[in-house]
C-alpha cells in the first residue's frame, strides 16, 4: 500500500499514532480476508464482505491522511 510514497508512509508511521493504528488495523483486516479467501479460515460470504468494506474504509482514511501529509508545506 502506498508503494509510491514509502518515505511519507514511514514518516507517518513513526510520527502519527492514529495513522499507525489505522495502518495496523488495515494489515489485520487484510490477513483475515486473505485467510478467508484461501480457505485457511473459512467465513460466511456476508461476514467476509463486511470485513472487506471495513478494510476499504480504513484504506480510504489512510489515503486521506497520506494526501494531507504530502500536501503540507515543507518547513525550511
Protein backbone atom coordinates (compact mmCIF):
# COMPACT_ATOMS: atom_id res chain seq x y z
CA UNK A 1 0.00 0.00 0.00
CA UNK A 2 1.30 3.47 -0.94
CA UNK A 3 4.35 1.98 -2.66
CA UNK A 4 4.96 5.27 -4.47
CA UNK A 5 5.15 7.15 -1.17
CA UNK A 6 7.18 4.82 1.01
CA UNK A 7 9.12 7.64 2.73
CA UNK A 8 5.95 9.54 3.60
CA UNK A 9 4.29 6.38 4.88
CA UNK A 10 7.27 5.55 7.10
CA UNK A 11 7.30 9.11 8.41
CA UNK A 12 3.60 8.93 9.29
CA UNK A 13 4.00 5.52 10.91
CA UNK A 14 6.70 6.98 13.17
CA UNK A 15 5.05 10.31 13.95
CA UNK A 16 1.26 9.81 13.82
CA UNK A 17 -0.32 7.42 16.31
CA UNK A 18 -3.70 7.48 14.54
CA UNK A 19 -2.12 6.65 11.18
CA UNK A 20 -0.15 3.81 12.80
CA UNK A 21 -3.32 2.45 14.46
CA UNK A 22 -5.27 2.56 11.19
CA UNK A 23 -2.37 1.01 9.27
CA UNK A 24 -2.17 -1.88 11.75
CA UNK A 25 -5.95 -2.33 11.58
CA UNK A 26 -5.76 -2.47 7.78
CA UNK A 27 -2.97 -5.07 7.96
CA UNK A 28 -5.03 -7.25 10.31
CA UNK A 29 -8.12 -6.97 8.12
CA UNK A 30 -6.02 -7.87 5.08
CA UNK A 31 -4.77 -11.01 6.83
CA UNK A 32 -8.33 -12.01 7.72
CA UNK A 33 -9.53 -11.51 4.13
CA UNK A 34 -6.59 -13.49 2.75
CA UNK A 35 -7.16 -16.32 5.23
CA UNK A 36 -10.85 -16.48 4.33
CA UNK A 37 -10.22 -16.39 0.58
CA UNK A 38 -7.57 -19.12 0.72
CA UNK A 39 -9.71 -21.34 2.92
CA UNK A 40 -7.34 -21.16 5.89
CA UNK A 41 -10.09 -19.53 7.96
CA UNK A 42 -13.45 -20.20 6.26
CA UNK A 43 -16.00 -17.45 6.69
CA UNK A 44 -19.56 -16.73 5.58
CA UNK A 45 -19.77 -14.53 2.48
CA UNK A 46 -21.69 -11.83 4.37
CA UNK A 47 -19.03 -11.63 7.10
CA UNK A 48 -16.24 -11.58 4.51
CA UNK A 49 -17.95 -8.75 2.62
CA UNK A 50 -18.29 -6.74 5.85
CA UNK A 51 -14.57 -7.18 6.57
CA UNK A 52 -13.74 -6.13 3.01
CA UNK A 53 -15.87 -2.97 3.43
CA UNK A 54 -14.14 -2.15 6.71
CA UNK A 55 -10.74 -2.73 5.09
CA UNK A 56 -11.63 -0.41 2.20
CA UNK A 57 -12.89 2.32 4.55
CA UNK A 58 -9.67 2.05 6.55
CA UNK A 59 -7.60 2.30 3.37
CA UNK A 60 -9.58 5.38 2.33
CA UNK A 61 -8.84 7.01 5.70
CA UNK A 62 -5.15 6.20 5.32
CA UNK A 63 -5.13 7.60 1.78
CA UNK A 64 -6.75 10.81 3.00
CA UNK A 65 -4.17 11.16 5.77
CA UNK A 66 -1.37 10.45 3.30
CA UNK A 67 -2.73 13.07 0.90
CA UNK A 68 -2.86 15.65 3.71
CA UNK A 69 0.68 14.78 4.76
CA UNK A 70 2.00 15.13 1.20
CA UNK A 71 0.17 18.45 0.77
CA UNK A 72 1.76 20.03 3.84
CA UNK A 73 4.34 22.69 3.07
CA UNK A 74 7.89 21.61 3.81
CA UNK A 75 9.45 23.52 6.69
CA UNK A 76 12.64 25.13 5.67
